[in-house]
Amino acid sequence: MKLLFDENLSPRLAEAVADLYPGSCHLRNCGLRGASDGRIWEYAAKNGFAIVSKDSDFRQRSFLRGNPPKVILLQIGNCTTVRAEFVLINLASRIHEFLLSSEESCLVLKHPK
């Protein structure tokens, strides 16, 4: 499944993880710069994206509405794009498992130790 990166994440992430998550995109490259959470949610659901964000509002929305779309919440604080990329790459097997699960709607990721 492809990932849709929220505005609070670098647009470079989509390119950096393209091998693991083909078709991924940053929302500004999808014409969604400044869009409401509701509009982003609808776009992701309609176009087969999982939303990747640091914004807990998407986590709340996933609890209320379920999926699609799925939500990956990065609880990694203020860090570099390289660190966020590290998390997405090193936890790829868990992310892929989550994306294939019919039961899970939200995955919270933290810095691996």
PDB file of N, CA and C in Angstrom:
ATOM      1  N   MET A   1       0.847  -1.180   0.000  1.00  0.00           N
ATOM      2  CA  MET A   1       0.000   0.000   0.000  1.00  0.00           C
ATOM      3  C   MET A   1       0.886   1.234   0.000  1.00  0.00           C
ATOM      4  N   LYS A   2       0.409   2.255  -0.627  1.00  0.00           N
ATOM      5  CA  LYS A   2       1.171   3.495  -0.708  1.00  0.00           C
ATOM      6  C   LYS A   2       0.847   4.400   0.479  1.00  0.00           C
ATOM      7  N   LEU A   3       1.812   5.246   0.802  1.00  0.00           N
ATOM      8  CA  LEU A   3       1.694   6.133   1.948  1.00  0.00           C
ATOM      9  C   LEU A   3       1.482   7.568   1.487  1.00  0.00           C
ATOM     10  N   LEU A   4       0.645   8.297   2.216  1.00  0.00           N
ATOM     11  CA  LEU A   4       0.416   9.714   1.976  1.00  0.00           C
ATOM     12  C   LEU A   4       0.984  10.474   3.173  1.00  0.00           C
ATOM     13  N   PHE A   5       2.052  11.235   2.949  1.00  0.00           N
ATOM     14  CA  PHE A   5       2.734  11.939   4.023  1.00  0.00           C
ATOM     15  C   PHE A   5       2.089  13.289   4.266  1.00  0.00           C
ATOM     16  N   ASP A   6       1.776  13.544   5.525  1.00  0.00           N
ATOM     17  CA  ASP A   6       1.131  14.779   5.956  1.00  0.00           C
ATOM     18  C   ASP A   6       2.110  15.955   5.882  1.00  0.00           C
ATOM     19  N   GLU A   7       1.561  17.168   5.974  1.00  0.00           N
ATOM     20  CA  GLU A   7       2.370  18.385   5.878  1.00  0.00           C
ATOM     21  C   GLU A   7       3.430  18.491   6.965  1.00  0.00           C
ATOM     22  N   ASN A   8       3.216  17.851   8.104  1.00  0.00           N
ATOM     23  CA  ASN A   8       4.178  17.954   9.189  1.00  0.00           C
ATOM     24  C   ASN A   8       5.397  17.048   8.979  1.00  0.00           C
ATOM     25  N   LEU A   9       5.468  16.414   7.824  1.00  0.00           N
ATOM     26  CA  LEU A   9       6.609  15.566   7.459  1.00  0.00           C
ATOM     27  C   LEU A   9       7.216  16.075   6.153  1.00  0.00           C
ATOM     28  N   SER A  10       8.488  15.805   5.982  1.00  0.00           N
ATOM     29  CA  SER A  10       9.201  16.281   4.802  1.00  0.00           C
ATOM     30  C   SER A  10       8.715  15.606   3.520  1.00  0.00           C
ATOM     31  N   PRO A  11       8.580  16.381   2.441  1.00  0.00           N
ATOM     32  CA  PRO A  11       8.230  15.795   1.143  1.00  0.00           C
ATOM     33  C   PRO A  11       9.278  14.797   0.657  1.00  0.00           C
ATOM     34  N   ARG A  12      10.505  14.907   1.155  1.00  0.00           N
ATOM     35  CA  ARG A  12      11.578  13.992   0.746  1.00  0.00           C
ATOM     36  C   ARG A  12      11.350  12.560   1.225  1.00  0.00           C
ATOM     37  N   LEU A  13      10.507  12.377   2.231  1.00  0.00           N
ATOM     38  CA  LEU A  13      10.264  11.034   2.745  1.00  0.00           C
ATOM     39  C   LEU A  13       9.641  10.111   1.705  1.00  0.00           C
ATOM     40  N   ALA A  14       8.721  10.630   0.912  1.00  0.00           N
ATOM     41  CA  ALA A  14       8.056   9.798  -0.105  1.00  0.00           C
ATOM     42  C   ALA A  14       9.075   9.217  -1.072  1.00  0.00           C
ATOM     43  N   GLU A  15      10.039  10.020  -1.480  1.00  0.00           N
ATOM     44  CA  GLU A  15      11.088   9.541  -2.382  1.00  0.00           C
ATOM     45  C   GLU A  15      12.044   8.591  -1.664  1.00  0.00           C
ATOM     46  N   ALA A  16      12.350   8.898  -0.412  1.00  0.00           N
ATOM     47  CA  ALA A  16      13.320   8.111   0.341  1.00  0.00           C
ATOM     48  C   ALA A  16      12.853   6.677   0.602  1.00  0.00           C
ATOM     49  N   VAL A  17      11.546   6.479   0.702  1.00  0.00           N
ATOM     50  CA  VAL A  17      11.023   5.137   1.014  1.00  0.00           C
ATOM     51  C   VAL A  17      10.263   4.527  -0.168  1.00  0.00           C
ATOM     52  N   ALA A  18      10.446   5.085  -1.352  1.00  0.00           N
ATOM     53  CA  ALA A  18       9.705   4.636  -2.539  1.00  0.00           C
ATOM     54  C   ALA A  18       9.918   3.166  -2.863  1.00  0.00           C
ATOM     55  N   ASP A  19      11.103   2.631  -2.579  1.00  0.00           N
ATOM     56  CA  ASP A  19      11.354   1.209  -2.846  1.00  0.00           C
ATOM     57  C   ASP A  19      10.493   0.309  -1.972  1.00  0.00           C
ATOM     58  N   LEU A  20      10.277   0.721  -0.724  1.00  0.00           N
ATOM     59  CA  LEU A  20       9.482  -0.083   0.212  1.00  0.00           C
ATOM     60  C   LEU A  20       7.986   0.177   0.093  1.00  0.00           C
ATOM     61  N   TYR A  21       7.629   1.397  -0.287  1.00  0.00           N
ATOM     62  CA  TYR A  21       6.228   1.806  -0.354  1.00  0.00           C
ATOM     63  C   TYR A  21       5.966   2.492  -1.698  1.00  0.00           C
ATOM     64  N   PRO A  22       5.926   1.716  -2.789  1.00  0.00           N
ATOM     65  CA  PRO A  22       5.755   2.303  -4.130  1.00  0.00           C
ATOM     66  C   PRO A  22       4.451   3.091  -4.245  1.00  0.00           C
ATOM     67  N   GLY A  23       4.536   4.196  -4.965  1.00  0.00           N
ATOM     68  CA  GLY A  23       3.355   5.026  -5.191  1.00  0.00           C
ATOM     69  C   GLY A  23       3.086   6.025  -4.085  1.00  0.00           C
ATOM     70  N   SER A  24       3.961   6.073  -3.085  1.00  0.00           N
ATOM     71  CA  SER A  24       3.768   7.006  -1.977  1.00  0.00           C
ATOM     72  C   SER A  24       3.947   8.442  -2.448  1.00  0.00           C
ATOM     73  N   CYS A  25       3.333   9.368  -1.694  1.00  0.00           N
ATOM     74  CA  CYS A  25       3.309  10.762  -2.120  1.00  0.00           C
ATOM     75  C   CYS A  25       3.195  11.669  -0.896  1.00  0.00           C
ATOM     76  N   HIS A  26       3.731  12.856  -1.022  1.00  0.00           N
ATOM     77  CA  HIS A  26       3.509  13.881  -0.005  1.00  0.00           C
ATOM     78  C   HIS A  26       2.248  14.636  -0.408  1.00  0.00           C
ATOM     79  N   LEU A  27       1.454  15.037   0.563  1.00  0.00           N
ATOM     80  CA  LEU A  27       0.159  15.636   0.208  1.00  0.00           C
ATOM     81  C   LEU A  27       0.291  16.905  -0.619  1.00  0.00           C
ATOM     82  N   ARG A  28       1.388  17.627  -0.502  1.00  0.00           N
ATOM     83  CA  ARG A  28       1.527  18.829  -1.334  1.00  0.00           C
ATOM     84  C   ARG A  28       1.673  18.473  -2.809  1.00  0.00           C
ATOM     85  N   ASN A  29       2.180  17.255  -3.094  1.00  0.00           N
ATOM     86  CA  ASN A  29       2.308  16.804  -4.479  1.00  0.00           C
ATOM     87  C   ASN A  29       1.000  16.221  -5.013  1.00  0.00           C
ATOM     88  N   CYS A  30       0.011  16.150  -4.156  1.00  0.00           N
ATOM     89  CA  CYS A  30      -1.308  15.651  -4.551  1.00  0.00           C
ATOM     90  C   CYS A  30      -2.336  16.780  -4.587  1.00  0.00           C
ATOM     91  N   GLY A  31      -1.861  18.022  -4.519  1.00  0.00           N
ATOM     92  CA  GLY A  31      -2.767  19.159  -4.537  1.00  0.00           C
ATOM     93  C   GLY A  31      -3.513  19.368  -3.236  1.00  0.00           C
ATOM     94  N   LEU A  32      -2.958  18.879  -2.128  1.00  0.00           N
ATOM     95  CA  LEU A  32      -3.646  18.967  -0.843  1.00  0.00           C
ATOM     96  C   LEU A  32      -2.956  19.884   0.165  1.00  0.00           C
ATOM     97  N   ARG A  33      -2.051  20.717  -0.301  1.00  0.00           N
ATOM     98  CA  ARG A  33      -1.357  21.621   0.615  1.00  0.00           C
ATOM     99  C   ARG A  33      -2.381  22.526   1.307  1.00  0.00           C
ATOM    100  N   GLY A  34      -2.361  22.546   2.633  1.00  0.00           N
ATOM    101  CA  GLY A  34      -3.293  23.362   3.410  1.00  0.00           C
ATOM    102  C   GLY A  34      -4.693  22.788   3.521  1.00  0.00           C
ATOM    103  N   ALA A  35      -4.901  21.572   3.036  1.00  0.00           N
ATOM    104  CA  ALA A  35      -6.237  20.956   3.072  1.00  0.00           C
ATOM    105  C   ALA A  35      -6.621  20.571   4.498  1.00  0.00           C
ATOM    106  N   SER A  36      -7.904  20.505   4.745  1.00  0.00           N
ATOM    107  CA  SER A  36      -8.406  20.088   6.060  1.00  0.00           C
ATOM    108  C   SER A  36      -8.140  18.600   6.257  1.00  0.00           C
ATOM    109  N   ASP A  37      -8.135  18.192   7.522  1.00  0.00           N
ATOM    110  CA  ASP A  37      -7.954  16.771   7.823  1.00  0.00           C
ATOM    111  C   ASP A  37      -9.035  15.931   7.140  1.00  0.00           C
ATOM    112  N   GLY A  38     -10.250  16.449   7.097  1.00  0.00           N
ATOM    113  CA  GLY A  38     -11.348  15.722   6.458  1.00  0.00           C
ATOM    114  C   GLY A  38     -11.114  15.502   4.971  1.00  0.00           C
ATOM    115  N   ARG A  39     -10.622  16.525   4.320  1.00  0.00           N
ATOM    116  CA  ARG A  39     -10.334  16.397   2.878  1.00  0.00           C
ATOM    117  C   ARG A  39      -9.189  15.420   2.635  1.00  0.00           C
ATOM    118  N   ILE A  40      -8.155  15.476   3.468  1.00  0.00           N
ATOM    119  CA  ILE A  40      -7.022  14.547   3.356  1.00  0.00           C
ATOM    120  C   ILE A  40      -7.507  13.121   3.591  1.00  0.00           C
ATOM    121  N   TRP A  41      -8.351  12.935   4.588  1.00  0.00           N
ATOM    122  CA  TRP A  41      -8.907  11.614   4.919  1.00  0.00           C
ATOM    123  C   TRP A  41      -9.664  11.036   3.723  1.00  0.00           C
ATOM    124  N   GLU A  42     -10.532  11.846   3.142  1.00  0.00           N
ATOM    125  CA  GLU A  42     -11.325  11.402   1.990  1.00  0.00           C
ATOM    126  C   GLU A  42     -10.434  11.057   0.797  1.00  0.00           C
ATOM    127  N   TYR A  43      -9.445  11.892   0.528  1.00  0.00           N
ATOM    128  CA  TYR A  43      -8.533  11.657  -0.587  1.00  0.00           C
ATOM    129  C   TYR A  43      -7.778  10.337  -0.377  1.00  0.00           C
ATOM    130  N   ALA A  44      -7.270  10.129   0.831  1.00  0.00           N
ATOM    131  CA  ALA A  44      -6.521   8.900   1.120  1.00  0.00           C
ATOM    132  C   ALA A  44      -7.404   7.666   0.954  1.00  0.00           C
ATOM    133  N   ALA A  45      -8.606   7.717   1.482  1.00  0.00           N
ATOM    134  CA  ALA A  45      -9.527   6.575   1.382  1.00  0.00           C
ATOM    135  C   ALA A  45      -9.874   6.280  -0.074  1.00  0.00           C
ATOM    136  N   LYS A  46     -10.165   7.315  -0.825  1.00  0.00           N
ATOM    137  CA  LYS A  46     -10.585   7.154  -2.223  1.00  0.00           C
ATOM    138  C   LYS A  46      -9.459   6.655  -3.118  1.00  0.00           C
ATOM    139  N   ASN A  47      -8.210   7.020  -2.776  1.00  0.00           N
ATOM    140  CA  ASN A  47      -7.076   6.716  -3.645  1.00  0.00           C
ATOM    141  C   ASN A  47      -6.138   5.641  -3.116  1.00  0.00           C
ATOM    142  N   GLY A  48      -6.549   4.912  -2.091  1.00  0.00           N
ATOM    143  CA  GLY A  48      -5.780   3.766  -1.606  1.00  0.00           C
ATOM    144  C   GLY A  48      -4.503   4.097  -0.855  1.00  0.00           C
ATOM    145  N   PHE A  49      -4.485   5.230  -0.156  1.00  0.00           N
ATOM    146  CA  PHE A  49      -3.328   5.618   0.648  1.00  0.00           C
ATOM    147  C   PHE A  49      -3.558   5.304   2.120  1.00  0.00           C
ATOM    148  N   ALA A  50      -2.464   5.071   2.833  1.00  0.00           N
ATOM    149  CA  ALA A  50      -2.451   5.113   4.292  1.00  0.00           C
ATOM    150  C   ALA A  50      -1.835   6.461   4.648  1.00  0.00           C
ATOM    151  N   ILE A  51      -2.397   7.146   5.623  1.00  0.00           N
ATOM    152  CA  ILE A  51      -1.899   8.464   6.026  1.00  0.00           C
ATOM    153  C   ILE A  51      -0.776   8.293   7.042  1.00  0.00           C
ATOM    154  N   VAL A  52       0.343   8.973   6.804  1.00  0.00           N
ATOM    155  CA  VAL A  52       1.452   8.994   7.750  1.00  0.00           C
ATOM    156  C   VAL A  52       1.553  10.414   8.283  1.00  0.00           C
ATOM    157  N   SER A  53       1.478  10.555   9.609  1.00  0.00           N
ATOM    158  CA  SER A  53       1.440  11.884  10.210  1.00  0.00           C
ATOM    159  C   SER A  53       2.032  11.865  11.606  1.00  0.00           C
ATOM    160  N   LYS A  54       2.360  13.057  12.077  1.00  0.00           N
ATOM    161  CA  LYS A  54       2.716  13.258  13.483  1.00  0.00           C
ATOM    162  C   LYS A  54       1.523  13.840  14.237  1.00  0.00           C
ATOM    163  N   ASP A  55       0.422  14.060  13.537  1.00  0.00           N
ATOM    164  CA  ASP A  55      -0.773  14.720  14.063  1.00  0.00           C
ATOM    165  C   ASP A  55      -1.716  13.691  14.687  1.00  0.00           C
ATOM    166  N   SER A  56      -1.934  13.799  15.981  1.00  0.00           N
ATOM    167  CA  SER A  56      -2.792  12.825  16.670  1.00  0.00           C
ATOM    168  C   SER A  56      -4.262  12.958  16.273  1.00  0.00           C
ATOM    169  N   ASP A  57      -4.634  14.031  15.563  1.00  0.00           N
ATOM    170  CA  ASP A  57      -6.022  14.163  15.091  1.00  0.00           C
ATOM    171  C   ASP A  57      -6.392  13.011  14.153  1.00  0.00           C
ATOM    172  N   PHE A  58      -5.444  12.562  13.335  1.00  0.00           N
ATOM    173  CA  PHE A  58      -5.725  11.427  12.447  1.00  0.00           C
ATOM    174  C   PHE A  58      -5.906  10.143  13.244  1.00  0.00           C
ATOM    175  N   ARG A  59      -5.184  10.014  14.342  1.00  0.00           N
ATOM    176  CA  ARG A  59      -5.353   8.847  15.222  1.00  0.00           C
ATOM    177  C   ARG A  59      -6.780   8.831  15.772  1.00  0.00           C
ATOM    178  N   GLN A  60      -7.236   9.975  16.256  1.00  0.00           N
ATOM    179  CA  GLN A  60      -8.594  10.076  16.782  1.00  0.00           C
ATOM    180  C   GLN A  60      -9.635   9.752  15.717  1.00  0.00           C
ATOM    181  N   ARG A  61      -9.428  10.277  14.526  1.00  0.00           N
ATOM    182  CA  ARG A  61     -10.350  10.029  13.421  1.00  0.00           C
ATOM    183  C   ARG A  61     -10.403   8.536  13.093  1.00  0.00           C
ATOM    184  N   SER A  62      -9.251   7.874  13.143  1.00  0.00           N
ATOM    185  CA  SER A  62      -9.235   6.439  12.832  1.00  0.00           C
ATOM    186  C   SER A  62      -9.983   5.641  13.893  1.00  0.00           C
ATOM    187  N   PHE A  63      -9.903   6.076  15.158  1.00  0.00           N
ATOM    188  CA  PHE A  63     -10.640   5.391  16.223  1.00  0.00           C
ATOM    189  C   PHE A  63     -12.140   5.563  16.044  1.00  0.00           C
ATOM    190  N   LEU A  64     -12.551   6.736  15.582  1.00  0.00           N
ATOM    191  CA  LEU A  64     -13.972   7.015  15.395  1.00  0.00           C
ATOM    192  C   LEU A  64     -14.548   6.389  14.131  1.00  0.00           C
ATOM    193  N   ARG A  65     -13.765   6.386  13.063  1.00  0.00           N
ATOM    194  CA  ARG A  65     -14.279   5.955  11.766  1.00  0.00           C
ATOM    195  C   ARG A  65     -13.763   4.614  11.277  1.00  0.00           C
ATOM    196  N   GLY A  66     -12.689   4.115  11.871  1.00  0.00           N
ATOM    197  CA  GLY A  66     -12.083   2.886  11.352  1.00  0.00           C
ATOM    198  C   GLY A  66     -11.369   3.167  10.044  1.00  0.00           C
ATOM    199  N   ASN A  67     -11.212   2.135   9.261  1.00  0.00           N
ATOM    200  CA  ASN A  67     -10.505   2.320   7.992  1.00  0.00           C
ATOM    201  C   ASN A  67     -11.364   1.821   6.845  1.00  0.00           C
ATOM    202  N   PRO A  68     -11.121   2.245   5.636  1.00  0.00           N
ATOM    203  CA  PRO A  68      -9.992   3.041   5.163  1.00  0.00           C
ATOM    204  C   PRO A  68     -10.206   4.519   5.436  1.00  0.00           C
ATOM    205  N   PRO A  69      -9.125   5.277   5.383  1.00  0.00           N
ATOM    206  CA  PRO A  69      -7.732   4.856   5.236  1.00  0.00           C
ATOM    207  C   PRO A  69      -7.149   4.436   6.574  1.00  0.00           C
ATOM    208  N   LYS A  70      -6.038   3.769   6.500  1.00  0.00           N
ATOM    209  CA  LYS A  70      -5.289   3.427   7.701  1.00  0.00           C
ATOM    210  C   LYS A  70      -4.414   4.624   8.060  1.00  0.00           C
ATOM    211  N   VAL A  71      -4.021   4.693   9.323  1.00  0.00           N
ATOM    212  CA  VAL A  71      -3.205   5.805   9.808  1.00  0.00           C
ATOM    213  C   VAL A  71      -1.953   5.259  10.482  1.00  0.00           C
ATOM    214  N   ILE A  72      -0.817   5.836  10.121  1.00  0.00           N
ATOM    215  CA  ILE A  72       0.448   5.538  10.795  1.00  0.00           C
ATOM    216  C   ILE A  72       0.859   6.824  11.495  1.00  0.00           C
ATOM    217  N   LEU A  73       0.850   6.789  12.822  1.00  0.00           N
ATOM    218  CA  LEU A  73       1.195   7.947  13.625  1.00  0.00           C
ATOM    219  C   LEU A  73       2.643   7.824  14.067  1.00  0.00           C
ATOM    220  N   LEU A  74       3.448   8.795  13.682  1.00  0.00           N
ATOM    221  CA  LEU A  74       4.855   8.809  14.073  1.00  0.00           C
ATOM    222  C   LEU A  74       5.018   9.641  15.341  1.00  0.00           C
ATOM    223  N   GLN A  75       5.276   8.974  16.431  1.00  0.00           N
ATOM    224  CA  GLN A  75       5.545   9.666  17.692  1.00  0.00           C
ATOM    225  C   GLN A  75       7.057   9.682  17.884  1.00  0.00           C
ATOM    226  N   ILE A  76       7.696  10.518  17.094  1.00  0.00           N
ATOM    227  CA  ILE A  76       9.159  10.562  17.080  1.00  0.00           C
ATOM    228  C   ILE A  76       9.686  11.945  17.420  1.00  0.00           C
ATOM    229  N   GLY A  77       8.806  12.824  17.876  1.00  0.00           N
ATOM    230  CA  GLY A  77       9.230  14.162  18.268  1.00  0.00           C
ATOM    231  C   GLY A  77       9.774  14.956  17.087  1.00  0.00           C
ATOM    232  N   ASN A  78      10.416  16.050  17.406  1.00  0.00           N
ATOM    233  CA  ASN A  78      11.045  16.868  16.373  1.00  0.00           C
ATOM    234  C   ASN A  78      12.378  16.238  16.030  1.00  0.00           C
ATOM    235  N   CYS A  79      12.453  15.676  14.858  1.00  0.00           N
ATOM    236  CA  CYS A  79      13.672  14.997  14.448  1.00  0.00           C
ATOM    237  C   CYS A  79      13.933  15.257  12.973  1.00  0.00           C
ATOM    238  N   THR A  80      15.076  14.825  12.529  1.00  0.00           N
ATOM    239  CA  THR A  80      15.451  15.022  11.134  1.00  0.00           C
ATOM    240  C   THR A  80      14.657  14.097  10.217  1.00  0.00           C
ATOM    241  N   THR A  81      14.643  14.448   8.951  1.00  0.00           N
ATOM    242  CA  THR A  81      14.025  13.596   7.940  1.00  0.00           C
ATOM    243  C   THR A  81      14.735  12.246   7.890  1.00  0.00           C
ATOM    244  N   VAL A  82      16.030  12.252   8.074  1.00  0.00           N
ATOM    245  CA  VAL A  82      16.806  11.007   8.074  1.00  0.00           C
ATOM    246  C   VAL A  82      16.333  10.091   9.188  1.00  0.00           C
ATOM    247  N   ARG A  83      16.042  10.643  10.356  1.00  0.00           N
ATOM    248  CA  ARG A  83      15.571   9.833  11.489  1.00  0.00           C
ATOM    249  C   ARG A  83      14.179   9.262  11.200  1.00  0.00           C
ATOM    250  N   ALA A  84      13.298  10.063  10.622  1.00  0.00           N
ATOM    251  CA  ALA A  84      11.961   9.572  10.261  1.00  0.00           C
ATOM    252  C   ALA A  84      12.076   8.466   9.217  1.00  0.00           C
ATOM    253  N   GLU A  85      12.958   8.663   8.264  1.00  0.00           N
ATOM    254  CA  GLU A  85      13.204   7.634   7.247  1.00  0.00           C
ATOM    255  C   GLU A  85      13.716   6.355   7.894  1.00  0.00           C
ATOM    256  N   PHE A  86      14.619   6.483   8.843  1.00  0.00           N
ATOM    257  CA  PHE A  86      15.160   5.340   9.579  1.00  0.00           C
ATOM    258  C   PHE A  86      14.035   4.531  10.238  1.00  0.00           C
ATOM    259  N   VAL A  87      13.116   5.219  10.877  1.00  0.00           N
ATOM    260  CA  VAL A  87      11.983   4.551  11.537  1.00  0.00           C
ATOM    261  C   VAL A  87      11.133   3.806  10.514  1.00  0.00           C
ATOM    262  N   LEU A  88      10.794   4.459   9.406  1.00  0.00           N
ATOM    263  CA  LEU A  88       9.945   3.837   8.381  1.00  0.00           C
ATOM    264  C   LEU A  88      10.622   2.647   7.710  1.00  0.00           C
ATOM    265  N   ILE A  89      11.916   2.704   7.555  1.00  0.00           N
ATOM    266  CA  ILE A  89      12.643   1.593   6.931  1.00  0.00           C
ATOM    267  C   ILE A  89      12.835   0.442   7.914  1.00  0.00           C
ATOM    268  N   ASN A  90      13.251   0.760   9.127  1.00  0.00           N
ATOM    269  CA  ASN A  90      13.545  -0.296  10.091  1.00  0.00           C
ATOM    270  C   ASN A  90      12.307  -0.993  10.638  1.00  0.00           C
ATOM    271  N   LEU A  91      11.184  -0.358  10.534  1.00  0.00           N
ATOM    272  CA  LEU A  91       9.934  -0.984  10.984  1.00  0.00           C
ATOM    273  C   LEU A  91       9.051  -1.392   9.797  1.00  0.00           C
ATOM    274  N   ALA A  92       9.662  -1.524   8.634  1.00  0.00           N
ATOM    275  CA  ALA A  92       8.904  -1.837   7.412  1.00  0.00           C
ATOM    276  C   ALA A  92       8.109  -3.130   7.524  1.00  0.00           C
ATOM    277  N   SER A  93       8.672  -4.161   8.135  1.00  0.00           N
ATOM    278  CA  SER A  93       7.923  -5.423   8.222  1.00  0.00           C
ATOM    279  C   SER A  93       6.671  -5.247   9.083  1.00  0.00           C
ATOM    280  N   ARG A  94       6.765  -4.489  10.163  1.00  0.00           N
ATOM    281  CA  ARG A  94       5.586  -4.238  11.009  1.00  0.00           C
ATOM    282  C   ARG A  94       4.578  -3.362  10.260  1.00  0.00           C
ATOM    283  N   ILE A  95       5.067  -2.385   9.514  1.00  0.00           N
ATOM    284  CA  ILE A  95       4.181  -1.505   8.745  1.00  0.00           C
ATOM    285  C   ILE A  95       3.440  -2.298   7.676  1.00  0.00           C
ATOM    286  N   HIS A  96       4.136  -3.158   6.966  1.00  0.00           N
ATOM    287  CA  HIS A  96       3.486  -3.972   5.932  1.00  0.00           C
ATOM    288  C   HIS A  96       2.455  -4.925   6.547  1.00  0.00           C
ATOM    289  N   GLU A  97       2.779  -5.494   7.686  1.00  0.00           N
ATOM    290  CA  GLU A  97       1.836  -6.360   8.401  1.00  0.00           C
ATOM    291  C   GLU A  97       0.575  -5.564   8.759  1.00  0.00           C
ATOM    292  N   PHE A  98       0.771  -4.365   9.274  1.00  0.00           N
ATOM    293  CA  PHE A  98      -0.337  -3.484   9.622  1.00  0.00           C
ATOM    294  C   PHE A  98      -1.193  -3.142   8.398  1.00  0.00           C
ATOM    295  N   LEU A  99      -0.545  -2.801   7.302  1.00  0.00           N
ATOM    296  CA  LEU A  99      -1.277  -2.408   6.100  1.00  0.00           C
ATOM    297  C   LEU A  99      -2.114  -3.550   5.534  1.00  0.00           C
ATOM    298  N   LEU A 100      -1.682  -4.782   5.761  1.00  0.00           N
ATOM    299  CA  LEU A 100      -2.425  -5.946   5.270  1.00  0.00           C
ATOM    300  C   LEU A 100      -3.514  -6.414   6.236  1.00  0.00           C
ATOM    301  N   SER A 101      -3.473  -5.953   7.459  1.00  0.00           N
ATOM    302  CA  SER A 101      -4.432  -6.375   8.479  1.00  0.00           C
ATOM    303  C   SER A 101      -5.809  -5.771   8.217  1.00  0.00           C
ATOM    304  N   SER A 102      -6.822  -6.585   8.337  1.00  0.00           N
ATOM    305  CA  SER A 102      -8.191  -6.072   8.175  1.00  0.00           C
ATOM    306  C   SER A 102      -8.734  -5.532   9.498  1.00  0.00           C
ATOM    307  N   GLU A 103      -8.052  -5.814  10.589  1.00  0.00           N
ATOM    308  CA  GLU A 103      -8.554  -5.426  11.901  1.00  0.00           C
ATOM    309  C   GLU A 103      -7.964  -4.129  12.440  1.00  0.00           C
ATOM    310  N   GLU A 104      -6.732  -3.804  12.085  1.00  0.00           N
ATOM    311  CA  GLU A 104      -6.069  -2.623  12.630  1.00  0.00           C
ATOM    312  C   GLU A 104      -6.344  -1.392  11.780  1.00  0.00           C
ATOM    313  N   SER A 105      -6.558  -0.258  12.451  1.00  0.00           N
ATOM    314  CA  SER A 105      -6.801   0.999  11.748  1.00  0.00           C
ATOM    315  C   SER A 105      -5.690   2.019  11.961  1.00  0.00           C
ATOM    316  N   CYS A 106      -5.010   1.931  13.104  1.00  0.00           N
ATOM    317  CA  CYS A 106      -3.980   2.908  13.422  1.00  0.00           C
ATOM    318  C   CYS A 106      -2.764   2.205  14.006  1.00  0.00           C
ATOM    319  N   LEU A 107      -1.601   2.598  13.523  1.00  0.00           N
ATOM    320  CA  LEU A 107      -0.329   2.062  14.016  1.00  0.00           C
ATOM    321  C   LEU A 107       0.491   3.227  14.543  1.00  0.00           C
ATOM    322  N   VAL A 108       0.899   3.122  15.811  1.00  0.00           N
ATOM    323  CA  VAL A 108       1.719   4.163  16.421  1.00  0.00           C
ATOM    324  C   VAL A 108       3.160   3.670  16.436  1.00  0.00           C
ATOM    325  N   LEU A 109       4.040   4.473  15.834  1.00  0.00           N
ATOM    326  CA  LEU A 109       5.455   4.125  15.768  1.00  0.00           C
ATOM    327  C   LEU A 109       6.270   5.119  16.587  1.00  0.00           C
ATOM    328  N   LYS A 110       7.245   4.577  17.301  1.00  0.00           N
ATOM    329  CA  LYS A 110       8.161   5.390  18.086  1.00  0.00           C
ATOM    330  C   LYS A 110       9.577   5.086  17.649  1.00  0.00           C
ATOM    331  N   HIS A 111      10.522   5.876  18.098  1.00  0.00           N
ATOM    332  CA  HIS A 111      11.932   5.612  17.780  1.00  0.00           C
ATOM    333  C   HIS A 111      12.292   4.208  18.213  1.00  0.00           C
ATOM    334  N   PRO A 112      12.852   3.391  17.307  1.00  0.00           N
ATOM    335  CA  PRO A 112      13.368   2.098  17.750  1.00  0.00           C
ATOM    336  C   PRO A 112      14.586   2.339  18.636  1.00  0.00           C
ATOM    337  N   LYS A 113      14.759   1.519  19.620  1.00  0.00           N
ATOM    338  CA  LYS A 113      15.885   1.683  20.547  1.00  0.00           C
ATOM    339  C   LYS A 113      17.053   0.861  20.114  1.00  0.00           C
TER     340      LYS A 113
END
